């Protein structure tokens, strides 16, 4: 039996369908869902088995940096240790296609952290559907790119075919506005570093410069 496929409107998501996805997440489901950067594999941040399933699906080691979505800056501050300089910069960049590598707080399960550095990647998506899932769930959600090795799928049908029997719920929409892979910024110190140049890199470089001047 394959995944439950739910079609949810991109701009005015049906709340009953959002609730159905969240119910599945609370029951331990792994989902395929669209974000602002592309399709992602996800589960609740506290779902250890779900995270292990995603790691197996994507064939990534436990040492691979995990990323999870938060709904706001205040939410980030709960799950990470955010310096004043980092706070100012993140405030300018969110929501958007940016992953911030930050020291994890005690609220982040050990299995969702980098085992050596005790860090996590955190994003605030610029996507209505993702935001409503986060708000209804009331907790962060894992977000790992749905791709095969280093290649992204060209269309949703191909994606569904690949993941239909690997996830519990697949969310599709009427329209997708993907920016491409996120820009990754290491904020574990106040000397921020771009780990990966991705979407909206120019804006990131602009505000990192402003932050360094302000600091």
C-alpha atoms as a PDB file:
ATOM      1  CA  UNK A   1       0.000   0.000   0.000  1.00  0.00           C
ATOM      2  CA  UNK A   2       1.359   3.411  -0.973  1.00  0.00           C
ATOM      3  CA  UNK A   3       1.263   6.774   0.707  1.00  0.00           C
ATOM      4  CA  UNK A   4      -1.894   8.770   1.337  1.00  0.00           C
ATOM      5  CA  UNK A   5      -1.796  11.554  -1.265  1.00  0.00           C
ATOM      6  CA  UNK A   6      -3.381  14.875  -0.271  1.00  0.00           C
ATOM      7  CA  UNK A   7      -3.784  17.777  -2.682  1.00  0.00           C
ATOM      8  CA  UNK A   8      -3.667  21.062  -0.729  1.00  0.00           C
ATOM      9  CA  UNK A   9      -4.093  24.519  -2.241  1.00  0.00           C
ATOM     10  CA  UNK A  10      -0.878  26.587  -2.212  1.00  0.00           C
ATOM     11  CA  UNK A  11      -2.342  29.979  -1.200  1.00  0.00           C
ATOM     12  CA  UNK A  12      -5.478  28.968   0.712  1.00  0.00           C
ATOM     13  CA  UNK A  13      -4.701  25.536   2.162  1.00  0.00           C
ATOM     14  CA  UNK A  14      -7.733  23.556   3.298  1.00  0.00           C
ATOM     15  CA  UNK A  15      -7.457  23.436   7.093  1.00  0.00           C
ATOM     16  CA  UNK A  16      -9.086  20.004   7.382  1.00  0.00           C
ATOM     17  CA  UNK A  17      -6.362  18.582   5.125  1.00  0.00           C
ATOM     18  CA  UNK A  18      -3.654  20.381   7.101  1.00  0.00           C
ATOM     19  CA  UNK A  19      -5.134  18.817  10.247  1.00  0.00           C
ATOM     20  CA  UNK A  20      -5.030  15.381   8.603  1.00  0.00           C
ATOM     21  CA  UNK A  21      -1.309  15.751   7.805  1.00  0.00           C
ATOM     22  CA  UNK A  22      -0.592  16.973  11.341  1.00  0.00           C
ATOM     23  CA  UNK A  23      -2.541  14.057  12.806  1.00  0.00           C
ATOM     24  CA  UNK A  24      -0.323  11.706  10.806  1.00  0.00           C
ATOM     25  CA  UNK A  25       2.821  13.545  11.957  1.00  0.00           C
ATOM     26  CA  UNK A  26       1.710  13.205  15.582  1.00  0.00           C
ATOM     27  CA  UNK A  27       1.257   9.484  15.003  1.00  0.00           C
ATOM     28  CA  UNK A  28       4.858   9.153  13.768  1.00  0.00           C
ATOM     29  CA  UNK A  29       4.431   9.576  10.014  1.00  0.00           C
ATOM     30  CA  UNK A  30       7.127  10.477   7.506  1.00  0.00           C
ATOM     31  CA  UNK A  31       5.788  12.841   4.851  1.00  0.00           C
ATOM     32  CA  UNK A  32       6.739  14.247   1.464  1.00  0.00           C
ATOM     33  CA  UNK A  33       5.781  17.919   1.251  1.00  0.00           C
ATOM     34  CA  UNK A  34       6.559  21.152  -0.642  1.00  0.00           C
ATOM     35  CA  UNK A  35       8.465  24.009   0.985  1.00  0.00           C
ATOM     36  CA  UNK A  36       9.761  27.266  -0.489  1.00  0.00           C
ATOM     37  CA  UNK A  37      13.015  25.634  -1.608  1.00  0.00           C
ATOM     38  CA  UNK A  38      11.629  22.386  -3.027  1.00  0.00           C
ATOM     39  CA  UNK A  39      10.074  19.101  -1.987  1.00  0.00           C
ATOM     40  CA  UNK A  40      11.214  17.778   1.376  1.00  0.00           C
ATOM     41  CA  UNK A  41      11.004  14.640   3.438  1.00  0.00           C
ATOM     42  CA  UNK A  42       9.797  15.418   6.919  1.00  0.00           C
ATOM     43  CA  UNK A  43       8.591  14.247  10.294  1.00  0.00           C
ATOM     44  CA  UNK A  44       8.189  15.749  13.740  1.00  0.00           C
ATOM     45  CA  UNK A  45      11.497  16.848  15.286  1.00  0.00           C
ATOM     46  CA  UNK A  46      10.922  14.483  18.228  1.00  0.00           C
ATOM     47  CA  UNK A  47      10.299  11.466  15.988  1.00  0.00           C
ATOM     48  CA  UNK A  48      13.510   9.436  16.296  1.00  0.00           C
ATOM     49  CA  UNK A  49      12.241   6.524  14.214  1.00  0.00           C
ATOM     50  CA  UNK A  50      11.001   8.946  11.551  1.00  0.00           C
ATOM     51  CA  UNK A  51      14.393  10.624  11.331  1.00  0.00           C
ATOM     52  CA  UNK A  52      16.069   7.237  10.993  1.00  0.00           C
ATOM     53  CA  UNK A  53      13.654   6.339   8.188  1.00  0.00           C
ATOM     54  CA  UNK A  54      14.469   9.583   6.354  1.00  0.00           C
ATOM     55  CA  UNK A  55      18.197   8.949   6.751  1.00  0.00           C
ATOM     56  CA  UNK A  56      17.687   5.477   5.284  1.00  0.00           C
ATOM     57  CA  UNK A  57      15.512   6.775   2.409  1.00  0.00           C
ATOM     58  CA  UNK A  58      18.089   9.407   1.480  1.00  0.00           C
ATOM     59  CA  UNK A  59      21.035   7.130   2.286  1.00  0.00           C
ATOM     60  CA  UNK A  60      22.669   9.744   4.503  1.00  0.00           C
ATOM     61  CA  UNK A  61      24.764   8.947   7.600  1.00  0.00           C
ATOM     62  CA  UNK A  62      23.740   9.829  11.149  1.00  0.00           C
ATOM     63  CA  UNK A  63      26.545  12.397  11.146  1.00  0.00           C
ATOM     64  CA  UNK A  64      24.872  14.342   8.315  1.00  0.00           C
ATOM     65  CA  UNK A  65      23.642  17.772   9.470  1.00  0.00           C
ATOM     66  CA  UNK A  66      19.872  17.670   9.870  1.00  0.00           C
ATOM     67  CA  UNK A  67      17.664  20.651   9.102  1.00  0.00           C
ATOM     68  CA  UNK A  68      14.335  21.451  10.677  1.00  0.00           C
ATOM     69  CA  UNK A  69      11.749  24.139  10.052  1.00  0.00           C
ATOM     70  CA  UNK A  70      10.551  26.650  12.648  1.00  0.00           C
ATOM     71  CA  UNK A  71       7.651  29.041  12.201  1.00  0.00           C
ATOM     72  CA  UNK A  72       9.345  32.205  13.528  1.00  0.00           C
ATOM     73  CA  UNK A  73      12.431  33.828  15.037  1.00  0.00           C
ATOM     74  CA  UNK A  74      11.103  33.362  18.567  1.00  0.00           C
ATOM     75  CA  UNK A  75      10.668  29.689  17.756  1.00  0.00           C
ATOM     76  CA  UNK A  76      14.311  29.514  16.589  1.00  0.00           C
ATOM     77  CA  UNK A  77      15.414  31.081  19.888  1.00  0.00           C
ATOM     78  CA  UNK A  78      13.744  28.211  21.748  1.00  0.00           C
ATOM     79  CA  UNK A  79      15.605  25.520  19.847  1.00  0.00           C
ATOM     80  CA  UNK A  80      18.998  27.185  19.364  1.00  0.00           C
ATOM     81  CA  UNK A  81      21.459  29.395  21.180  1.00  0.00           C
ATOM     82  CA  UNK A  82      21.275  32.630  19.197  1.00  0.00           C
ATOM     83  CA  UNK A  83      23.822  35.415  19.727  1.00  0.00           C
ATOM     84  CA  UNK A  84      22.835  39.068  19.370  1.00  0.00           C
ATOM     85  CA  UNK A  85      24.623  39.306  16.006  1.00  0.00           C
ATOM     86  CA  UNK A  86      22.940  36.132  14.762  1.00  0.00           C
ATOM     87  CA  UNK A  87      19.551  37.369  15.957  1.00  0.00           C
ATOM     88  CA  UNK A  88      19.898  40.644  14.030  1.00  0.00           C
ATOM     89  CA  UNK A  89      20.910  38.877  10.836  1.00  0.00           C
ATOM     90  CA  UNK A  90      18.289  36.139  11.011  1.00  0.00           C
ATOM     91  CA  UNK A  91      15.598  38.768  11.609  1.00  0.00           C
ATOM     92  CA  UNK A  92      16.561  40.452   8.317  1.00  0.00           C
ATOM     93  CA  UNK A  93      16.580  37.233   6.309  1.00  0.00           C
ATOM     94  CA  UNK A  94      13.499  35.296   7.421  1.00  0.00           C
ATOM     95  CA  UNK A  95      11.275  33.936   6.110  1.00  0.00           C
ATOM     96  CA  UNK A  96      13.295  32.703   3.187  1.00  0.00           C
ATOM     97  CA  UNK A  97      15.644  30.131   1.648  1.00  0.00           C
ATOM     98  CA  UNK A  98      18.285  30.239   4.382  1.00  0.00           C
ATOM     99  CA  UNK A  99      19.517  27.472   6.664  1.00  0.00           C
ATOM    100  CA  UNK A 100      21.208  28.711   9.826  1.00  0.00           C
ATOM    101  CA  UNK A 101      23.679  26.373  11.531  1.00  0.00           C
ATOM    102  CA  UNK A 102      23.373  27.128  15.242  1.00  0.00           C
ATOM    103  CA  UNK A 103      24.275  25.521  18.573  1.00  0.00           C
ATOM    104  CA  UNK A 104      21.299  23.387  19.561  1.00  0.00           C
ATOM    105  CA  UNK A 105      19.382  24.111  22.761  1.00  0.00           C
ATOM    106  CA  UNK A 106      18.293  21.416  25.211  1.00  0.00           C
ATOM    107  CA  UNK A 107      14.938  21.235  23.429  1.00  0.00           C
ATOM    108  CA  UNK A 108      16.560  19.628  20.383  1.00  0.00           C
ATOM    109  CA  UNK A 109      16.759  15.843  20.811  1.00  0.00           C
ATOM    110  CA  UNK A 110      20.288  14.436  20.708  1.00  0.00           C
ATOM    111  CA  UNK A 111      19.392  12.321  17.662  1.00  0.00           C
ATOM    112  CA  UNK A 112      18.462  15.500  15.743  1.00  0.00           C
ATOM    113  CA  UNK A 113      21.808  17.237  16.384  1.00  0.00           C
ATOM    114  CA  UNK A 114      25.212  16.965  14.764  1.00  0.00           C
ATOM    115  CA  UNK A 115      26.713  14.370  17.157  1.00  0.00           C
ATOM    116  CA  UNK A 116      30.138  16.041  17.244  1.00  0.00           C
ATOM    117  CA  UNK A 117      29.331  19.750  17.054  1.00  0.00           C
ATOM    118  CA  UNK A 118      25.967  19.678  18.893  1.00  0.00           C
ATOM    119  CA  UNK A 119      24.474  21.916  16.205  1.00  0.00           C
ATOM    120  CA  UNK A 120      21.436  21.837  13.954  1.00  0.00           C
ATOM    121  CA  UNK A 121      20.339  23.526  10.751  1.00  0.00           C
ATOM    122  CA  UNK A 122      17.218  25.657  11.180  1.00  0.00           C
ATOM    123  CA  UNK A 123      14.997  27.382   8.581  1.00  0.00           C
ATOM    124  CA  UNK A 124      11.894  29.573   8.572  1.00  0.00           C
ATOM    125  CA  UNK A 125      10.138  28.812   5.263  1.00  0.00           C
ATOM    126  CA  UNK A 126       8.494  31.431   3.069  1.00  0.00           C
ATOM    127  CA  UNK A 127       5.657  29.095   2.209  1.00  0.00           C
ATOM    128  CA  UNK A 128       2.025  29.259   3.376  1.00  0.00           C
ATOM    129  CA  UNK A 129       1.469  25.503   3.418  1.00  0.00           C
ATOM    130  CA  UNK A 130       4.630  24.780   5.410  1.00  0.00           C
ATOM    131  CA  UNK A 131       3.830  27.550   7.873  1.00  0.00           C
ATOM    132  CA  UNK A 132       0.320  26.229   8.521  1.00  0.00           C
ATOM    133  CA  UNK A 133       1.693  22.724   9.107  1.00  0.00           C
ATOM    134  CA  UNK A 134       4.173  24.126  11.642  1.00  0.00           C
ATOM    135  CA  UNK A 135       1.545  26.219  13.425  1.00  0.00           C
ATOM    136  CA  UNK A 136      -0.934  23.349  13.650  1.00  0.00           C
ATOM    137  CA  UNK A 137       1.763  20.890  14.707  1.00  0.00           C
ATOM    138  CA  UNK A 138       3.036  23.311  17.345  1.00  0.00           C
ATOM    139  CA  UNK A 139       6.571  22.006  16.962  1.00  0.00           C
ATOM    140  CA  UNK A 140       9.482  22.080  14.476  1.00  0.00           C
ATOM    141  CA  UNK A 141       9.464  19.714  11.533  1.00  0.00           C
ATOM    142  CA  UNK A 142      12.393  17.953   9.883  1.00  0.00           C
ATOM    143  CA  UNK A 143      13.095  19.134   6.327  1.00  0.00           C
ATOM    144  CA  UNK A 144      15.493  17.085   4.204  1.00  0.00           C
ATOM    145  CA  UNK A 145      15.553  17.634   0.423  1.00  0.00           C
ATOM    146  CA  UNK A 146      13.733  14.932  -1.510  1.00  0.00           C
ATOM    147  CA  UNK A 147      16.326  14.035  -4.091  1.00  0.00           C
ATOM    148  CA  UNK A 148      18.207  11.006  -5.349  1.00  0.00           C
ATOM    149  CA  UNK A 149      21.930  11.232  -4.605  1.00  0.00           C
ATOM    150  CA  UNK A 150      22.666  14.805  -5.771  1.00  0.00           C
ATOM    151  CA  UNK A 151      19.949  14.996  -8.424  1.00  0.00           C
ATOM    152  CA  UNK A 152      16.566  16.626  -7.880  1.00  0.00           C
ATOM    153  CA  UNK A 153      13.489  15.095  -9.502  1.00  0.00           C
ATOM    154  CA  UNK A 154      12.225  16.978 -12.543  1.00  0.00           C
ATOM    155  CA  UNK A 155       8.512  16.744 -11.771  1.00  0.00           C
ATOM    156  CA  UNK A 156       6.043  15.735  -9.100  1.00  0.00           C
ATOM    157  CA  UNK A 157       4.910  12.538 -10.866  1.00  0.00           C
ATOM    158  CA  UNK A 158       8.483  11.258 -10.901  1.00  0.00           C
ATOM    159  CA  UNK A 159       8.857  12.206  -7.255  1.00  0.00           C
ATOM    160  CA  UNK A 160       5.684  10.422  -6.191  1.00  0.00           C
ATOM    161  CA  UNK A 161       6.695   7.315  -8.117  1.00  0.00           C
ATOM    162  CA  UNK A 162      10.028   7.219  -6.279  1.00  0.00           C
ATOM    163  CA  UNK A 163       8.644   7.852  -2.786  1.00  0.00           C
ATOM    164  CA  UNK A 164       5.107   6.432  -2.881  1.00  0.00           C
ATOM    165  CA  UNK A 165       6.040   3.317  -0.918  1.00  0.00           C
ATOM    166  CA  UNK A 166       8.636   4.989   1.313  1.00  0.00           C
ATOM    167  CA  UNK A 167       6.543   7.686   3.025  1.00  0.00           C
ATOM    168  CA  UNK A 168       3.179   7.656   4.795  1.00  0.00           C
ATOM    169  CA  UNK A 169       1.708  10.890   3.418  1.00  0.00           C
ATOM    170  CA  UNK A 170       2.511  12.785   0.193  1.00  0.00           C
ATOM    171  CA  UNK A 171       1.332  16.393  -0.068  1.00  0.00           C
ATOM    172  CA  UNK A 172       0.856  17.908  -3.506  1.00  0.00           C
ATOM    173  CA  UNK A 173      -0.366  21.363  -4.477  1.00  0.00           C
ATOM    174  CA  UNK A 174      -1.853  23.326  -7.363  1.00  0.00           C
ATOM    175  CA  UNK A 175       1.257  25.464  -7.825  1.00  0.00           C
ATOM    176  CA  UNK A 176       4.903  25.370  -6.817  1.00  0.00           C
ATOM    177  CA  UNK A 177       7.221  28.347  -6.518  1.00  0.00           C
ATOM    178  CA  UNK A 178      10.538  26.781  -5.583  1.00  0.00           C
ATOM    179  CA  UNK A 179      13.596  28.991  -5.123  1.00  0.00           C
ATOM    180  CA  UNK A 180      16.087  26.121  -5.253  1.00  0.00           C
ATOM    181  CA  UNK A 181      18.437  24.876  -2.563  1.00  0.00           C
ATOM    182  CA  UNK A 182      18.866  27.064   0.487  1.00  0.00           C
ATOM    183  CA  UNK A 183      21.906  29.153   1.309  1.00  0.00           C
ATOM    184  CA  UNK A 184      23.578  27.663   4.385  1.00  0.00           C
ATOM    185  CA  UNK A 185      25.109  30.048   6.927  1.00  0.00           C
ATOM    186  CA  UNK A 186      27.235  28.846   9.840  1.00  0.00           C
ATOM    187  CA  UNK A 187      26.379  31.013  12.861  1.00  0.00           C
ATOM    188  CA  UNK A 188      28.080  28.987  15.548  1.00  0.00           C
ATOM    189  CA  UNK A 189      30.368  31.990  16.110  1.00  0.00           C
ATOM    190  CA  UNK A 190      29.863  35.693  15.326  1.00  0.00           C
ATOM    191  CA  UNK A 191      32.199  35.301  12.345  1.00  0.00           C
ATOM    192  CA  UNK A 192      29.496  33.969  10.061  1.00  0.00           C
ATOM    193  CA  UNK A 193      30.505  31.695   7.192  1.00  0.00           C
ATOM    194  CA  UNK A 194      28.634  30.758   4.033  1.00  0.00           C
ATOM    195  CA  UNK A 195      28.767  26.960   3.880  1.00  0.00           C
ATOM    196  CA  UNK A 196      26.747  26.694   0.682  1.00  0.00           C
ATOM    197  CA  UNK A 197      25.770  29.379  -1.805  1.00  0.00           C
ATOM    198  CA  UNK A 198      22.149  28.852  -2.733  1.00  0.00           C
ATOM    199  CA  UNK A 199      19.008  30.883  -3.316  1.00  0.00           C
ATOM    200  CA  UNK A 200      19.114  34.633  -2.514  1.00  0.00           C
ATOM    201  CA  UNK A 201      22.844  34.494  -1.758  1.00  0.00           C
ATOM    202  CA  UNK A 202      23.275  38.211  -2.591  1.00  0.00           C
ATOM    203  CA  UNK A 203      20.854  39.227   0.155  1.00  0.00           C
ATOM    204  CA  UNK A 204      22.631  36.972   2.639  1.00  0.00           C
ATOM    205  CA  UNK A 205      26.016  38.494   1.830  1.00  0.00           C
ATOM    206  CA  UNK A 206      24.574  41.996   2.143  1.00  0.00           C
ATOM    207  CA  UNK A 207      23.138  41.460   5.610  1.00  0.00           C
ATOM    208  CA  UNK A 208      26.059  39.452   6.926  1.00  0.00           C
ATOM    209  CA  UNK A 209      28.224  42.444   6.062  1.00  0.00           C
ATOM    210  CA  UNK A 210      25.857  44.784   7.907  1.00  0.00           C
ATOM    211  CA  UNK A 211      25.858  42.487  10.938  1.00  0.00           C
ATOM    212  CA  UNK A 212      29.639  42.414  11.096  1.00  0.00           C
ATOM    213  CA  UNK A 213      29.764  46.222  10.950  1.00  0.00           C
ATOM    214  CA  UNK A 214      27.113  46.519  13.669  1.00  0.00           C
ATOM    215  CA  UNK A 215      28.894  44.011  15.900  1.00  0.00           C
END
